[in-house]
């Protein structure tokens, strides 16, 4: 998805280029924030394993550092896991070919917070 910046309105003859630049930067920041993926906190006391699929039998891709936060692109059912946020079979896709158990991610819900993965 592309973002198109469109300047609207008439500029006041007294505005300086610095004032126009600050206003444009604020507008751009709002547009970027709107497009940014929501991130969810991983429990701060754990370095969570990232797997290639929704279960501990899938290969280890990497380990998240303490205090990490992750985007959730989609979710899918898989192996049941017990963690600090309960017992669940939901796995969160955080990047292409990268999954973490939802039991370690604080989403504020015990169900889906993102679309189901295909």
Protein backbone atom coordinates (compact mmCIF):
# COMPACT_ATOMS: atom_id res chain seq x y z
CA UNK A 1 0.00 0.00 0.00
CA UNK A 2 1.39 3.34 -0.97
CA UNK A 3 0.97 6.60 0.86
CA UNK A 4 0.28 9.62 -1.27
CA UNK A 5 0.95 13.00 0.27
CA UNK A 6 -1.44 15.65 -0.97
CA UNK A 7 -1.03 19.26 0.02
CA UNK A 8 -4.36 20.91 0.65
CA UNK A 9 -5.44 24.37 1.67
CA UNK A 10 -3.96 27.74 0.94
CA UNK A 11 -0.75 28.79 2.65
CA UNK A 12 -0.73 32.05 4.51
CA UNK A 13 1.55 34.56 2.81
CA UNK A 14 3.27 35.11 6.18
CA UNK A 15 4.23 31.45 6.75
CA UNK A 16 7.91 30.68 6.63
CA UNK A 17 9.34 27.59 4.98
CA UNK A 18 10.24 26.26 8.46
CA UNK A 19 6.59 26.53 9.55
CA UNK A 20 5.45 24.75 6.38
CA UNK A 21 8.12 22.06 6.90
CA UNK A 22 7.04 21.41 10.51
CA UNK A 23 3.39 21.16 9.46
CA UNK A 24 4.27 18.75 6.62
CA UNK A 25 6.38 16.64 9.00
CA UNK A 26 3.50 16.36 11.46
CA UNK A 27 1.14 15.31 8.66
CA UNK A 28 3.64 12.72 7.44
CA UNK A 29 4.16 11.37 10.97
CA UNK A 30 0.42 10.82 11.35
CA UNK A 31 0.28 8.98 8.00
CA UNK A 32 3.26 6.78 8.90
CA UNK A 33 1.86 5.99 12.36
CA UNK A 34 -1.44 4.95 10.81
CA UNK A 35 0.34 2.48 8.53
CA UNK A 36 2.68 1.09 11.17
CA UNK A 37 1.84 -2.42 12.37
CA UNK A 38 0.71 -2.70 15.96
CA UNK A 39 3.35 -4.33 18.12
CA UNK A 40 2.72 -6.59 21.10
CA UNK A 41 5.01 -7.03 24.10
CA UNK A 42 6.68 -10.37 24.70
CA UNK A 43 6.77 -11.22 28.43
CA UNK A 44 9.79 -9.31 29.76
CA UNK A 45 11.15 -12.24 31.80
CA UNK A 46 11.60 -14.56 28.79
CA UNK A 47 13.83 -14.88 25.76
CA UNK A 48 11.28 -16.47 23.46
CA UNK A 49 12.12 -19.01 20.76
CA UNK A 50 11.00 -18.13 17.25
CA UNK A 51 10.08 -21.23 15.25
CA UNK A 52 9.62 -21.86 11.52
CA UNK A 53 6.07 -23.12 12.15
CA UNK A 54 3.38 -23.36 14.84
CA UNK A 55 4.98 -25.86 17.22
CA UNK A 56 8.12 -26.73 19.15
CA UNK A 57 8.88 -29.50 16.66
CA UNK A 58 9.60 -26.84 14.00
CA UNK A 59 13.15 -25.60 13.59
CA UNK A 60 14.47 -22.77 15.74
CA UNK A 61 14.88 -19.60 13.65
CA UNK A 62 16.13 -17.23 16.35
CA UNK A 63 15.63 -16.20 19.98
CA UNK A 64 13.97 -12.90 20.86
CA UNK A 65 15.80 -10.74 23.43
CA UNK A 66 14.33 -9.76 26.80
CA UNK A 67 11.84 -6.91 26.44
CA UNK A 68 11.08 -7.58 22.77
CA UNK A 69 7.89 -6.54 21.04
CA UNK A 70 6.57 -8.14 17.88
CA UNK A 71 4.05 -7.44 15.14
CA UNK A 72 1.40 -10.10 14.63
CA UNK A 73 0.76 -10.51 10.91
CA UNK A 74 -1.59 -13.46 11.30
CA UNK A 75 -2.28 -16.33 13.71
CA UNK A 76 -2.82 -20.05 13.33
CA UNK A 77 -3.53 -22.99 15.60
CA UNK A 78 -0.74 -25.43 16.37
CA UNK A 79 0.85 -27.15 19.34
CA UNK A 80 -0.57 -26.34 22.79
CA UNK A 81 1.89 -24.36 24.93
CA UNK A 82 1.71 -23.08 28.50
CA UNK A 83 3.40 -19.77 29.22
CA UNK A 84 3.06 -16.68 31.41
CA UNK A 85 -0.13 -15.62 29.60
CA UNK A 86 -1.90 -18.96 29.86
CA UNK A 87 -2.22 -22.15 27.84
CA UNK A 88 -3.02 -21.81 24.17
CA UNK A 89 -2.61 -23.44 20.80
CA UNK A 90 -2.41 -20.06 19.01
CA UNK A 91 0.82 -19.20 17.28
CA UNK A 92 1.64 -15.69 16.09
CA UNK A 93 3.30 -15.12 12.74
CA UNK A 94 5.77 -12.29 13.35
CA UNK A 95 7.54 -12.40 9.97
CA UNK A 96 7.74 -14.67 6.93
CA UNK A 97 8.39 -18.18 8.28
CA UNK A 98 8.62 -16.99 11.92
CA UNK A 99 6.18 -18.01 14.67
CA UNK A 100 6.03 -17.54 18.44
CA UNK A 101 3.54 -19.05 20.86
CA UNK A 102 0.82 -16.59 21.85
CA UNK A 103 1.31 -17.83 25.44
CA UNK A 104 4.36 -15.54 25.64
CA UNK A 105 2.88 -12.48 23.89
CA UNK A 106 0.62 -10.03 25.71
CA UNK A 107 -2.31 -9.32 23.39
CA UNK A 108 -4.98 -8.62 26.01
CA UNK A 109 -7.08 -11.45 24.57
CA UNK A 110 -7.24 -15.23 24.78
CA UNK A 111 -8.44 -15.39 21.17
CA UNK A 112 -7.43 -14.13 17.76
CA UNK A 113 -6.24 -10.52 17.48
CA UNK A 114 -5.15 -10.85 13.85
CA UNK A 115 -6.44 -12.68 10.78
CA UNK A 116 -5.89 -16.42 10.51
CA UNK A 117 -2.83 -17.38 8.49
CA UNK A 118 -3.53 -19.00 5.14
